[in-house]
Protein backbone atom coordinates (compact mmCIF):
# COMPACT_ATOMS: atom_id res chain seq x y z
CA UNK A 1 0.00 0.00 0.00
CA UNK A 2 2.91 2.39 0.62
CA UNK A 3 4.00 1.86 -2.98
CA UNK A 4 0.57 3.03 -4.16
CA UNK A 5 0.73 6.20 -2.11
CA UNK A 6 4.28 6.88 -3.25
CA UNK A 7 3.30 6.24 -6.88
CA UNK A 8 0.34 8.60 -6.60
CA UNK A 9 2.50 11.31 -5.03
CA UNK A 10 5.08 10.98 -7.82
CA UNK A 11 2.32 11.24 -10.44
CA UNK A 12 0.93 14.40 -8.82
CA UNK A 13 4.37 16.05 -8.78
CA UNK A 14 5.02 15.10 -12.40
CA UNK A 15 1.72 16.59 -13.51
CA UNK A 16 2.36 19.74 -11.51
CA UNK A 17 5.51 20.29 -13.56
CA UNK A 18 3.41 20.47 -16.72
CA UNK A 19 1.54 23.61 -15.72
CA UNK A 20 2.53 27.25 -15.87
CA UNK A 21 4.97 29.12 -18.05
CA UNK A 22 4.38 30.71 -21.45
CA UNK A 23 2.72 28.77 -24.21
CA UNK A 24 5.32 27.32 -26.60
CA UNK A 25 3.82 29.07 -29.63
CA UNK A 26 4.06 32.57 -28.16
CA UNK A 27 6.65 34.63 -30.02
CA UNK A 28 8.74 37.23 -28.25
CA UNK A 29 7.77 40.83 -29.00
CA UNK A 30 9.50 42.41 -32.00
CA UNK A 31 12.51 44.58 -31.23
CA UNK A 32 11.93 48.30 -30.85
CA UNK A 33 13.13 50.68 -33.57
CA UNK A 34 16.21 51.61 -31.54
CA UNK A 35 17.10 47.93 -31.12
CA UNK A 36 16.65 47.24 -34.85
CA UNK A 37 19.52 49.64 -35.60
CA UNK A 38 21.60 49.18 -32.46
CA UNK A 39 24.51 47.96 -34.61
CA UNK A 40 24.40 50.98 -36.97
CA UNK A 41 23.33 49.07 -40.10
CA UNK A 42 21.22 51.94 -41.48
CA UNK A 43 24.27 54.17 -41.86
CA UNK A 44 26.06 51.44 -43.85
CA UNK A 45 23.49 50.94 -46.62
CA UNK A 46 25.91 52.56 -49.10
CA UNK A 47 27.83 49.27 -49.07
CA UNK A 48 24.94 47.43 -50.76
CA UNK A 49 26.08 46.08 -54.13
CA UNK A 50 29.77 46.18 -53.22
CA UNK A 51 31.86 43.02 -53.20
CA UNK A 52 32.16 41.28 -49.83
CA UNK A 53 35.94 41.22 -49.73
CA UNK A 54 37.99 40.97 -46.56
CA UNK A 55 38.81 44.67 -46.87
CA UNK A 56 35.15 45.67 -47.25
CA UNK A 57 34.11 43.46 -44.31
CA UNK A 58 36.86 45.00 -42.16
CA UNK A 59 35.57 48.50 -43.03
CA UNK A 60 32.02 47.48 -42.15
CA UNK A 61 33.22 46.17 -38.80
CA UNK A 62 35.07 49.37 -37.90
CA UNK A 63 32.39 51.76 -39.21
CA UNK A 64 29.47 50.00 -37.53
CA UNK A 65 28.44 50.15 -33.90
CA UNK A 66 28.36 46.33 -33.85
CA UNK A 67 30.07 44.22 -31.23
CA UNK A 68 30.40 41.44 -33.82
CA UNK A 69 29.79 40.84 -37.52
CA UNK A 70 28.10 37.77 -38.98
CA UNK A 71 28.80 37.12 -42.66
CA UNK A 72 26.04 35.12 -44.35
CA UNK A 73 26.55 33.55 -47.75
CA UNK A 74 23.88 32.45 -50.21
CA UNK A 75 21.76 29.53 -48.95
CA UNK A 76 23.74 29.45 -45.70
CA UNK A 77 21.84 28.30 -42.62
CA UNK A 78 22.02 30.66 -39.64
CA UNK A 79 20.69 30.60 -36.10
CA UNK A 80 17.52 32.53 -35.35
CA UNK A 81 18.82 34.16 -32.17
CA UNK A 82 18.48 37.94 -32.20
CA UNK A 83 21.46 40.01 -31.10
CA UNK A 84 20.90 43.74 -31.44
CA UNK A 85 24.65 44.35 -31.27
CA UNK A 86 25.45 42.08 -34.24
CA UNK A 87 25.74 43.27 -37.86
CA UNK A 88 24.53 40.71 -40.40
CA UNK A 89 26.18 41.02 -43.80
CA UNK A 90 24.42 38.94 -46.45
CA UNK A 91 25.95 38.42 -49.87
CA UNK A 92 24.87 36.66 -53.08
CA UNK A 93 26.48 34.13 -55.45
CA UNK A 94 28.67 36.84 -56.97
CA UNK A 95 29.89 37.95 -53.51
CA UNK A 96 27.94 41.21 -53.73
CA UNK A 97 26.50 42.54 -50.47
CA UNK A 98 22.71 42.36 -50.72
CA UNK A 99 21.58 43.11 -47.14
CA UNK A 100 22.92 44.76 -43.99
CA UNK A 101 20.84 44.33 -40.84
CA UNK A 102 21.21 44.16 -37.09
CA UNK A 103 20.36 40.93 -35.39
PDB file of N, CA and C in Angstrom:
ATOM      1  N   UNK A   1       0.807  -1.184   0.000  1.00  0.00           N
ATOM      2  CA  UNK A   1       0.000   0.000   0.000  1.00  0.00           C
ATOM      3  C   UNK A   1       0.865   1.269   0.000  1.00  0.00           C
ATOM      4  N   UNK A   2       2.009   1.250   0.625  1.00  0.00           N
ATOM      5  CA  UNK A   2       2.909   2.393   0.621  1.00  0.00           C
ATOM      6  C   UNK A   2       3.405   2.690  -0.793  1.00  0.00           C
ATOM      7  N   UNK A   3       3.558   1.661  -1.603  1.00  0.00           N
ATOM      8  CA  UNK A   3       3.997   1.860  -2.982  1.00  0.00           C
ATOM      9  C   UNK A   3       2.930   2.605  -3.778  1.00  0.00           C
ATOM     10  N   UNK A   4       1.655   2.335  -3.461  1.00  0.00           N
ATOM     11  CA  UNK A   4       0.569   3.031  -4.158  1.00  0.00           C
ATOM     12  C   UNK A   4       0.575   4.519  -3.816  1.00  0.00           C
ATOM     13  N   UNK A   5       0.716   4.808  -2.546  1.00  0.00           N
ATOM     14  CA  UNK A   5       0.726   6.198  -2.107  1.00  0.00           C
ATOM     15  C   UNK A   5       1.924   6.920  -2.713  1.00  0.00           C
ATOM     16  N   UNK A   6       3.074   6.290  -2.686  1.00  0.00           N
ATOM     17  CA  UNK A   6       4.277   6.883  -3.250  1.00  0.00           C
ATOM     18  C   UNK A   6       4.109   7.098  -4.747  1.00  0.00           C
ATOM     19  N   UNK A   7       3.535   6.110  -5.438  1.00  0.00           N
ATOM     20  CA  UNK A   7       3.302   6.240  -6.875  1.00  0.00           C
ATOM     21  C   UNK A   7       2.341   7.366  -7.197  1.00  0.00           C
ATOM     22  N   UNK A   8       1.295   7.514  -6.393  1.00  0.00           N
ATOM     23  CA  UNK A   8       0.339   8.605  -6.601  1.00  0.00           C
ATOM     24  C   UNK A   8       0.993   9.961  -6.368  1.00  0.00           C
ATOM     25  N   UNK A   9       1.817  10.045  -5.337  1.00  0.00           N
ATOM     26  CA  UNK A   9       2.501  11.307  -5.030  1.00  0.00           C
ATOM     27  C   UNK A   9       3.450  11.691  -6.166  1.00  0.00           C
ATOM     28  N   UNK A  10       4.160  10.719  -6.700  1.00  0.00           N
ATOM     29  CA  UNK A  10       5.078  10.981  -7.815  1.00  0.00           C
ATOM     30  C   UNK A  10       4.287  11.474  -9.023  1.00  0.00           C
ATOM     31  N   UNK A  11       3.156  10.835  -9.305  1.00  0.00           N
ATOM     32  CA  UNK A  11       2.324  11.240 -10.443  1.00  0.00           C
ATOM     33  C   UNK A  11       1.823  12.667 -10.280  1.00  0.00           C
ATOM     34  N   UNK A  12       1.417  13.048  -9.070  1.00  0.00           N
ATOM     35  CA  UNK A  12       0.930  14.405  -8.817  1.00  0.00           C
ATOM     36  C   UNK A  12       2.050  15.416  -9.065  1.00  0.00           C
ATOM     37  N   UNK A  13       3.248  15.136  -8.585  1.00  0.00           N
ATOM     38  CA  UNK A  13       4.366  16.054  -8.780  1.00  0.00           C
ATOM     39  C   UNK A  13       4.755  16.158 -10.251  1.00  0.00           C
ATOM     40  N   UNK A  14       4.685  15.065 -10.968  1.00  0.00           N
ATOM     41  CA  UNK A  14       5.018  15.096 -12.396  1.00  0.00           C
ATOM     42  C   UNK A  14       4.006  15.934 -13.159  1.00  0.00           C
ATOM     43  N   UNK A  15       2.741  15.800 -12.843  1.00  0.00           N
ATOM     44  CA  UNK A  15       1.717  16.586 -13.514  1.00  0.00           C
ATOM     45  C   UNK A  15       1.813  18.060 -13.144  1.00  0.00           C
ATOM     46  N   UNK A  16       2.215  18.350 -11.938  1.00  0.00           N
ATOM     47  CA  UNK A  16       2.359  19.736 -11.506  1.00  0.00           C
ATOM     48  C   UNK A  16       3.442  20.439 -12.315  1.00  0.00           C
ATOM     49  N   UNK A  17       4.438  19.705 -12.747  1.00  0.00           N
ATOM     50  CA  UNK A  17       5.507  20.291 -13.560  1.00  0.00           C
ATOM     51  C   UNK A  17       5.061  20.652 -14.957  1.00  0.00           C
ATOM     52  N   UNK A  18       3.910  20.190 -15.382  1.00  0.00           N
ATOM     53  CA  UNK A  18       3.412  20.471 -16.724  1.00  0.00           C
ATOM     54  C   UNK A  18       2.608  21.752 -16.810  1.00  0.00           C
ATOM     55  N   UNK A  19       2.359  22.401 -15.698  1.00  0.00           N
ATOM     56  CA  UNK A  19       1.538  23.612 -15.721  1.00  0.00           C
ATOM     57  C   UNK A  19       2.402  24.843 -15.631  1.00  0.00           C
ATOM     58  N   UNK A  20       1.844  25.979 -16.005  1.00  0.00           N
ATOM     59  CA  UNK A  20       2.531  27.253 -15.868  1.00  0.00           C
ATOM     60  C   UNK A  20       3.485  27.520 -17.012  1.00  0.00           C
ATOM     61  N   UNK A  21       4.029  28.718 -17.024  1.00  0.00           N
ATOM     62  CA  UNK A  21       4.971  29.121 -18.048  1.00  0.00           C
ATOM     63  C   UNK A  21       4.263  29.565 -19.316  1.00  0.00           C
ATOM     64  N   UNK A  22       4.989  30.233 -20.219  1.00  0.00           N
ATOM     65  CA  UNK A  22       4.376  30.711 -21.453  1.00  0.00           C
ATOM     66  C   UNK A  22       4.055  29.564 -22.399  1.00  0.00           C
ATOM     67  N   UNK A  23       3.076  29.768 -23.208  1.00  0.00           N
ATOM     68  CA  UNK A  23       2.723  28.769 -24.213  1.00  0.00           C
ATOM     69  C   UNK A  23       3.872  28.670 -25.212  1.00  0.00           C
ATOM     70  N   UNK A  24       4.170  27.484 -25.716  1.00  0.00           N
ATOM     71  CA  UNK A  24       5.321  27.322 -26.605  1.00  0.00           C
ATOM     72  C   UNK A  24       5.192  28.059 -27.929  1.00  0.00           C
ATOM     73  N   UNK A  25       3.972  28.395 -28.346  1.00  0.00           N
ATOM     74  CA  UNK A  25       3.824  29.066 -29.629  1.00  0.00           C
ATOM     75  C   UNK A  25       3.784  30.586 -29.521  1.00  0.00           C
ATOM     76  N   UNK A  26       4.022  31.126 -28.326  1.00  0.00           N
ATOM     77  CA  UNK A  26       4.062  32.568 -28.159  1.00  0.00           C
ATOM     78  C   UNK A  26       5.418  33.095 -28.609  1.00  0.00           C
ATOM     79  N   UNK A  27       5.405  34.032 -29.529  1.00  0.00           N
ATOM     80  CA  UNK A  27       6.646  34.628 -30.021  1.00  0.00           C
ATOM     81  C   UNK A  27       7.034  35.803 -29.143  1.00  0.00           C
ATOM     82  N   UNK A  28       8.327  36.058 -29.019  1.00  0.00           N
ATOM     83  CA  UNK A  28       8.738  37.234 -28.248  1.00  0.00           C
ATOM     84  C   UNK A  28       8.322  38.495 -29.003  1.00  0.00           C
ATOM     85  N   UNK A  29       8.168  39.597 -28.311  1.00  0.00           N
ATOM     86  CA  UNK A  29       7.765  40.827 -28.996  1.00  0.00           C
ATOM     87  C   UNK A  29       8.856  41.272 -29.965  1.00  0.00           C
ATOM     88  N   UNK A  30       8.482  41.953 -31.060  1.00  0.00           N
ATOM     89  CA  UNK A  30       9.501  42.410 -32.004  1.00  0.00           C
ATOM     90  C   UNK A  30      10.386  43.467 -31.353  1.00  0.00           C
ATOM     91  N   UNK A  31      11.619  43.579 -31.821  1.00  0.00           N
ATOM     92  CA  UNK A  31      12.514  44.576 -31.234  1.00  0.00           C
ATOM     93  C   UNK A  31      12.017  45.985 -31.532  1.00  0.00           C
ATOM     94  N   UNK A  32      12.318  46.907 -30.637  1.00  0.00           N
ATOM     95  CA  UNK A  32      11.935  48.303 -30.855  1.00  0.00           C
ATOM     96  C   UNK A  32      12.790  48.891 -31.971  1.00  0.00           C
ATOM     97  N   UNK A  33      12.390  50.056 -32.471  1.00  0.00           N
ATOM     98  CA  UNK A  33      13.133  50.679 -33.574  1.00  0.00           C
ATOM     99  C   UNK A  33      14.584  50.926 -33.185  1.00  0.00           C
ATOM    100  N   UNK A  34      14.825  51.353 -31.958  1.00  0.00           N
ATOM    101  CA  UNK A  34      16.207  51.612 -31.537  1.00  0.00           C
ATOM    102  C   UNK A  34      17.014  50.325 -31.478  1.00  0.00           C
ATOM    103  N   UNK A  35      16.394  49.211 -31.137  1.00  0.00           N
ATOM    104  CA  UNK A  35      17.095  47.931 -31.116  1.00  0.00           C
ATOM    105  C   UNK A  35      17.381  47.442 -32.532  1.00  0.00           C
ATOM    106  N   UNK A  36      16.468  47.720 -33.476  1.00  0.00           N
ATOM    107  CA  UNK A  36      16.651  47.244 -34.847  1.00  0.00           C
ATOM    108  C   UNK A  36      17.885  47.857 -35.483  1.00  0.00           C
ATOM    109  N   UNK A  37      18.317  49.025 -35.032  1.00  0.00           N
ATOM    110  CA  UNK A  37      19.515  49.636 -35.597  1.00  0.00           C
ATOM    111  C   UNK A  37      20.583  49.859 -34.532  1.00  0.00           C
ATOM    112  N   UNK A  38      20.606  49.039 -33.526  1.00  0.00           N
ATOM    113  CA  UNK A  38      21.601  49.177 -32.458  1.00  0.00           C
ATOM    114  C   UNK A  38      23.022  48.950 -32.970  1.00  0.00           C
ATOM    115  N   UNK A  39      23.173  48.240 -34.077  1.00  0.00           N
ATOM    116  CA  UNK A  39      24.506  47.963 -34.611  1.00  0.00           C
ATOM    117  C   UNK A  39      24.941  49.004 -35.637  1.00  0.00           C
ATOM    118  N   UNK A  40      24.045  49.926 -36.014  1.00  0.00           N
ATOM    119  CA  UNK A  40      24.395  50.979 -36.968  1.00  0.00           C
ATOM    120  C   UNK A  40      24.272  50.577 -38.424  1.00  0.00           C
ATOM    121  N   UNK A  41      23.462  49.576 -38.732  1.00  0.00           N
ATOM    122  CA  UNK A  41      23.328  49.072 -40.105  1.00  0.00           C
ATOM    123  C   UNK A  41      22.750  50.111 -41.061  1.00  0.00           C
ATOM    124  N   UNK A  42      21.854  50.965 -40.582  1.00  0.00           N
ATOM    125  CA  UNK A  42      21.217  51.938 -41.478  1.00  0.00           C
ATOM    126  C   UNK A  42      22.232  52.900 -42.091  1.00  0.00           C
ATOM    127  N   UNK A  43      23.246  53.253 -41.354  1.00  0.00           N
ATOM    128  CA  UNK A  43      24.267  54.174 -41.860  1.00  0.00           C
ATOM    129  C   UNK A  43      25.202  53.505 -42.870  1.00  0.00           C
ATOM    130  N   UNK A  44      25.150  52.187 -42.978  1.00  0.00           N
ATOM    131  CA  UNK A  44      26.063  51.443 -43.853  1.00  0.00           C
ATOM    132  C   UNK A  44      25.419  50.985 -45.152  1.00  0.00           C
ATOM    133  N   UNK A  45      24.214  51.428 -45.436  1.00  0.00           N
ATOM    134  CA  UNK A  45      23.493  50.940 -46.615  1.00  0.00           C
ATOM    135  C   UNK A  45      24.196  51.295 -47.928  1.00  0.00           C
ATOM    136  N   UNK A  46      25.122  52.223 -47.912  1.00  0.00           N
ATOM    137  CA  UNK A  46      25.908  52.558 -49.100  1.00  0.00           C
ATOM    138  C   UNK A  46      26.802  51.421 -49.567  1.00  0.00           C
ATOM    139  N   UNK A  47      27.008  50.435 -48.706  1.00  0.00           N
ATOM    140  CA  UNK A  47      27.829  49.274 -49.071  1.00  0.00           C
ATOM    141  C   UNK A  47      27.057  48.236 -49.884  1.00  0.00           C
ATOM    142  N   UNK A  48      25.741  48.391 -49.988  1.00  0.00           N
ATOM    143  CA  UNK A  48      24.944  47.433 -50.763  1.00  0.00           C
ATOM    144  C   UNK A  48      25.430  47.417 -52.206  1.00  0.00           C
ATOM    145  N   UNK A  49      25.595  46.239 -52.758  1.00  0.00           N
ATOM    146  CA  UNK A  49      26.076  46.082 -54.126  1.00  0.00           C
ATOM    147  C   UNK A  49      27.582  45.949 -54.228  1.00  0.00           C
ATOM    148  N   UNK A  50      28.311  46.319 -53.190  1.00  0.00           N
ATOM    149  CA  UNK A  50      29.766  46.178 -53.216  1.00  0.00           C
ATOM    150  C   UNK A  50      30.158  44.726 -52.977  1.00  0.00           C
ATOM    151  N   UNK A  51      31.357  44.374 -53.395  1.00  0.00           N
ATOM    152  CA  UNK A  51      31.860  43.021 -53.201  1.00  0.00           C
ATOM    153  C   UNK A  51      32.189  42.804 -51.731  1.00  0.00           C
ATOM    154  N   UNK A  52      31.892  41.627 -51.236  1.00  0.00           N
ATOM    155  CA  UNK A  52      32.155  41.280 -49.831  1.00  0.00           C
ATOM    156  C   UNK A  52      33.572  40.734 -49.695  1.00  0.00           C
ATOM    157  N   UNK A  53      34.545  41.612 -49.878  1.00  0.00           N
ATOM    158  CA  UNK A  53      35.943  41.221 -49.733  1.00  0.00           C
ATOM    159  C   UNK A  53      36.347  41.365 -48.271  1.00  0.00           C
ATOM    160  N   UNK A  54      37.499  40.839 -47.934  1.00  0.00           N
ATOM    161  CA  UNK A  54      37.993  40.971 -46.558  1.00  0.00           C
ATOM    162  C   UNK A  54      38.152  42.437 -46.188  1.00  0.00           C
ATOM    163  N   UNK A  55      38.604  43.242 -47.125  1.00  0.00           N
ATOM    164  CA  UNK A  55      38.808  44.670 -46.870  1.00  0.00           C
ATOM    165  C   UNK A  55      37.472  45.368 -46.609  1.00  0.00           C
ATOM    166  N   UNK A  56      36.466  45.061 -47.429  1.00  0.00           N
ATOM    167  CA  UNK A  56      35.148  45.667 -47.246  1.00  0.00           C
ATOM    168  C   UNK A  56      34.545  45.244 -45.917  1.00  0.00           C
ATOM    169  N   UNK A  57      34.650  43.963 -45.579  1.00  0.00           N
ATOM    170  CA  UNK A  57      34.112  43.464 -44.315  1.00  0.00           C
ATOM    171  C   UNK A  57      34.816  44.106 -43.129  1.00  0.00           C
ATOM    172  N   UNK A  58      36.121  44.335 -43.239  1.00  0.00           N
ATOM    173  CA  UNK A  58      36.860  45.002 -42.160  1.00  0.00           C
ATOM    174  C   UNK A  58      36.378  46.441 -41.994  1.00  0.00           C
ATOM    175  N   UNK A  59      36.100  47.134 -43.112  1.00  0.00           N
ATOM    176  CA  UNK A  59      35.575  48.502 -43.027  1.00  0.00           C
ATOM    177  C   UNK A  59      34.193  48.518 -42.381  1.00  0.00           C
ATOM    178  N   UNK A  60      33.353  47.558 -42.758  1.00  0.00           N
ATOM    179  CA  UNK A  60      32.021  47.477 -42.151  1.00  0.00           C
ATOM    180  C   UNK A  60      32.125  47.281 -40.645  1.00  0.00           C
ATOM    181  N   UNK A  61      33.052  46.441 -40.236  1.00  0.00           N
ATOM    182  CA  UNK A  61      33.221  46.169 -38.805  1.00  0.00           C
ATOM    183  C   UNK A  61      33.663  47.416 -38.040  1.00  0.00           C
ATOM    184  N   UNK A  62      34.579  48.178 -38.608  1.00  0.00           N
ATOM    185  CA  UNK A  62      35.068  49.365 -37.896  1.00  0.00           C
ATOM    186  C   UNK A  62      34.085  50.535 -37.976  1.00  0.00           C
ATOM    187  N   UNK A  63      33.324  50.638 -39.054  1.00  0.00           N
ATOM    188  CA  UNK A  63      32.394  51.763 -39.215  1.00  0.00           C
ATOM    189  C   UNK A  63      31.040  51.526 -38.547  1.00  0.00           C
ATOM    190  N   UNK A  64      30.757  50.297 -38.182  1.00  0.00           N
ATOM    191  CA  UNK A  64      29.475  50.002 -37.534  1.00  0.00           C
ATOM    192  C   UNK A  64      29.604  50.170 -36.023  1.00  0.00           C
ATOM    193  N   UNK A  65      28.467  50.131 -35.361  1.00  0.00           N
ATOM    194  CA  UNK A  65      28.444  50.146 -33.896  1.00  0.00           C
ATOM    195  C   UNK A  65      28.344  48.729 -33.354  1.00  0.00           C
ATOM    196  N   UNK A  66      28.563  47.735 -34.205  1.00  0.00           N
ATOM    197  CA  UNK A  66      28.359  46.329 -33.851  1.00  0.00           C
ATOM    198  C   UNK A  66      29.486  45.797 -32.975  1.00  0.00           C
ATOM    199  N   UNK A  67      29.097  44.931 -32.052  1.00  0.00           N
ATOM    200  CA  UNK A  67      30.073  44.220 -31.231  1.00  0.00           C
ATOM    201  C   UNK A  67      30.694  43.066 -32.024  1.00  0.00           C
ATOM    202  N   UNK A  68      29.930  42.540 -32.979  1.00  0.00           N
ATOM    203  CA  UNK A  68      30.402  41.437 -33.816  1.00  0.00           C
ATOM    204  C   UNK A  68      29.721  41.513 -35.170  1.00  0.00           C
ATOM    205  N   UNK A  69      30.319  40.868 -36.162  1.00  0.00           N
ATOM    206  CA  UNK A  69      29.789  40.840 -37.516  1.00  0.00           C
ATOM    207  C   UNK A  69      29.571  39.391 -37.918  1.00  0.00           C
ATOM    208  N   UNK A  70      28.393  39.123 -38.482  1.00  0.00           N
ATOM    209  CA  UNK A  70      28.097  37.775 -38.978  1.00  0.00           C
ATOM    210  C   UNK A  70      27.963  37.873 -40.494  1.00  0.00           C
ATOM    211  N   UNK A  71      28.808  37.130 -41.198  1.00  0.00           N
ATOM    212  CA  UNK A  71      28.805  37.116 -42.660  1.00  0.00           C
ATOM    213  C   UNK A  71      27.989  35.908 -43.104  1.00  0.00           C
ATOM    214  N   UNK A  72      26.981  36.168 -43.950  1.00  0.00           N
ATOM    215  CA  UNK A  72      26.040  35.122 -44.350  1.00  0.00           C
ATOM    216  C   UNK A  72      26.071  34.985 -45.865  1.00  0.00           C
ATOM    217  N   UNK A  73      26.508  33.826 -46.325  1.00  0.00           N
ATOM    218  CA  UNK A  73      26.552  33.551 -47.751  1.00  0.00           C
ATOM    219  C   UNK A  73      25.217  33.062 -48.281  1.00  0.00           C
ATOM    220  N   UNK A  74      25.135  32.907 -49.602  1.00  0.00           N
ATOM    221  CA  UNK A  74      23.877  32.450 -50.207  1.00  0.00           C
ATOM    222  C   UNK A  74      23.532  31.038 -49.735  1.00  0.00           C
ATOM    223  N   UNK A  75      22.275  30.834 -49.396  1.00  0.00           N
ATOM    224  CA  UNK A  75      21.757  29.534 -48.948  1.00  0.00           C
ATOM    225  C   UNK A  75      22.433  29.011 -47.687  1.00  0.00           C
ATOM    226  N   UNK A  76      23.087  29.859 -46.932  1.00  0.00           N
ATOM    227  CA  UNK A  76      23.742  29.447 -45.696  1.00  0.00           C
ATOM    228  C   UNK A  76      22.740  29.448 -44.553  1.00  0.00           C
ATOM    229  N   UNK A  77      22.721  28.382 -43.783  1.00  0.00           N
ATOM    230  CA  UNK A  77      21.844  28.305 -42.618  1.00  0.00           C
ATOM    231  C   UNK A  77      22.449  29.137 -41.481  1.00  0.00           C
ATOM    232  N   UNK A  78      21.581  29.854 -40.781  1.00  0.00           N
ATOM    233  CA  UNK A  78      22.021  30.657 -39.640  1.00  0.00           C
ATOM    234  C   UNK A  78      21.069  30.435 -38.476  1.00  0.00           C
ATOM    235  N   UNK A  79      21.540  30.716 -37.286  1.00  0.00           N
ATOM    236  CA  UNK A  79      20.685  30.600 -36.103  1.00  0.00           C
ATOM    237  C   UNK A  79      19.678  31.739 -36.099  1.00  0.00           C
ATOM    238  N   UNK A  80      18.580  31.531 -35.393  1.00  0.00           N
ATOM    239  CA  UNK A  80      17.517  32.532 -35.346  1.00  0.00           C
ATOM    240  C   UNK A  80      17.616  33.427 -34.110  1.00  0.00           C
ATOM    241  N   UNK A  81      18.687  33.319 -33.345  1.00  0.00           N
ATOM    242  CA  UNK A  81      18.817  34.165 -32.171  1.00  0.00           C
ATOM    243  C   UNK A  81      19.010  35.617 -32.601  1.00  0.00           C
ATOM    244  N   UNK A  82      18.393  36.525 -31.869  1.00  0.00           N
ATOM    245  CA  UNK A  82      18.477  37.943 -32.196  1.00  0.00           C
ATOM    246  C   UNK A  82      19.476  38.606 -31.269  1.00  0.00           C
ATOM    247  N   UNK A  83      20.457  39.258 -31.858  1.00  0.00           N
ATOM    248  CA  UNK A  83      21.455  40.012 -31.102  1.00  0.00           C
ATOM    249  C   UNK A  83      21.504  41.409 -31.683  1.00  0.00           C
ATOM    250  N   UNK A  84      20.977  42.359 -30.948  1.00  0.00           N
ATOM    251  CA  UNK A  84      20.897  43.737 -31.438  1.00  0.00           C
ATOM    252  C   UNK A  84      22.267  44.316 -31.749  1.00  0.00           C
ATOM    253  N   UNK A  85      23.301  43.816 -31.083  1.00  0.00           N
ATOM    254  CA  UNK A  85      24.652  44.353 -31.266  1.00  0.00           C
ATOM    255  C   UNK A  85      25.434  43.655 -32.373  1.00  0.00           C
ATOM    256  N   UNK A  86      24.761  42.832 -33.184  1.00  0.00           N
ATOM    257  CA  UNK A  86      25.455  42.083 -34.243  1.00  0.00           C
ATOM    258  C   UNK A  86      25.030  42.614 -35.610  1.00  0.00           C
ATOM    259  N   UNK A  87      26.005  42.866 -36.480  1.00  0.00           N
ATOM    260  CA  UNK A  87      25.744  43.268 -37.860  1.00  0.00           C
ATOM    261  C   UNK A  87      25.731  42.020 -38.728  1.00  0.00           C
ATOM    262  N   UNK A  88      24.633  41.812 -39.445  1.00  0.00           N
ATOM    263  CA  UNK A  88      24.528  40.713 -40.395  1.00  0.00           C
ATOM    264  C   UNK A  88      24.839  41.246 -41.784  1.00  0.00           C
ATOM    265  N   UNK A  89      25.806  40.638 -42.439  1.00  0.00           N
ATOM    266  CA  UNK A  89      26.182  41.017 -43.797  1.00  0.00           C
ATOM    267  C   UNK A  89      25.838  39.838 -44.694  1.00  0.00           C
ATOM    268  N   UNK A  90      24.827  40.007 -45.542  1.00  0.00           N
ATOM    269  CA  UNK A  90      24.420  38.939 -46.454  1.00  0.00           C
ATOM    270  C   UNK A  90      24.929  39.254 -47.851  1.00  0.00           C
ATOM    271  N   UNK A  91      25.472  38.218 -48.511  1.00  0.00           N
ATOM    272  CA  UNK A  91      25.948  38.419 -49.873  1.00  0.00           C
ATOM    273  C   UNK A  91      25.418  37.316 -50.782  1.00  0.00           C
ATOM    274  N   UNK A  92      25.444  37.582 -52.100  1.00  0.00           N
ATOM    275  CA  UNK A  92      24.873  36.662 -53.078  1.00  0.00           C
ATOM    276  C   UNK A  92      25.946  35.770 -53.712  1.00  0.00           C
ATOM    277  N   UNK A  93      25.561  35.055 -54.762  1.00  0.00           N
ATOM    278  CA  UNK A  93      26.476  34.125 -55.445  1.00  0.00           C
ATOM    279  C   UNK A  93      27.690  34.817 -56.062  1.00  0.00           C
ATOM    280  N   UNK A  94      27.555  36.087 -56.382  1.00  0.00           N
ATOM    281  CA  UNK A  94      28.671  36.839 -56.970  1.00  0.00           C
ATOM    282  C   UNK A  94      29.461  37.614 -55.913  1.00  0.00           C
ATOM    283  N   UNK A  95      29.229  37.298 -54.648  1.00  0.00           N
ATOM    284  CA  UNK A  95      29.895  37.950 -53.513  1.00  0.00           C
ATOM    285  C   UNK A  95      29.560  39.439 -53.383  1.00  0.00           C
ATOM    286  N   UNK A  96      28.403  39.843 -53.890  1.00  0.00           N
ATOM    287  CA  UNK A  96      27.943  41.214 -53.727  1.00  0.00           C
ATOM    288  C   UNK A  96      27.066  41.306 -52.465  1.00  0.00           C
ATOM    289  N   UNK A  97      27.276  42.340 -51.686  1.00  0.00           N
ATOM    290  CA  UNK A  97      26.495  42.540 -50.466  1.00  0.00           C
ATOM    291  C   UNK A  97      25.063  42.907 -50.874  1.00  0.00           C
ATOM    292  N   UNK A  98      24.106  42.137 -50.349  1.00  0.00           N
ATOM    293  CA  UNK A  98      22.707  42.364 -50.718  1.00  0.00           C
ATOM    294  C   UNK A  98      21.853  42.826 -49.536  1.00  0.00           C
ATOM    295  N   UNK A  99      22.363  42.680 -48.306  1.00  0.00           N
ATOM    296  CA  UNK A  99      21.579  43.108 -47.143  1.00  0.00           C
ATOM    297  C   UNK A  99      22.494  43.342 -45.954  1.00  0.00           C
ATOM    298  N   UNK A 100      22.213  44.432 -45.225  1.00  0.00           N
ATOM    299  CA  UNK A 100      22.922  44.764 -43.989  1.00  0.00           C
ATOM    300  C   UNK A 100      21.865  45.027 -42.926  1.00  0.00           C
ATOM    301  N   UNK A 101      21.829  44.199 -41.904  1.00  0.00           N
ATOM    302  CA  UNK A 101      20.840  44.332 -40.839  1.00  0.00           C
ATOM    303  C   UNK A 101      21.480  44.060 -39.483  1.00  0.00           C
ATOM    304  N   UNK A 102      20.823  44.526 -38.444  1.00  0.00           N
ATOM    305  CA  UNK A 102      21.214  44.161 -37.092  1.00  0.00           C
ATOM    306  C   UNK A 102      20.476  42.893 -36.709  1.00  0.00           C
ATOM    307  N   UNK A 103      21.029  42.131 -35.858  1.00  0.00           N
ATOM    308  CA  UNK A 103      20.363  40.925 -35.388  1.00  0.00           C
ATOM    309  C   UNK A 103      21.303  39.848 -35.256  1.00  0.00           C
TER     310      UNK A 103
END
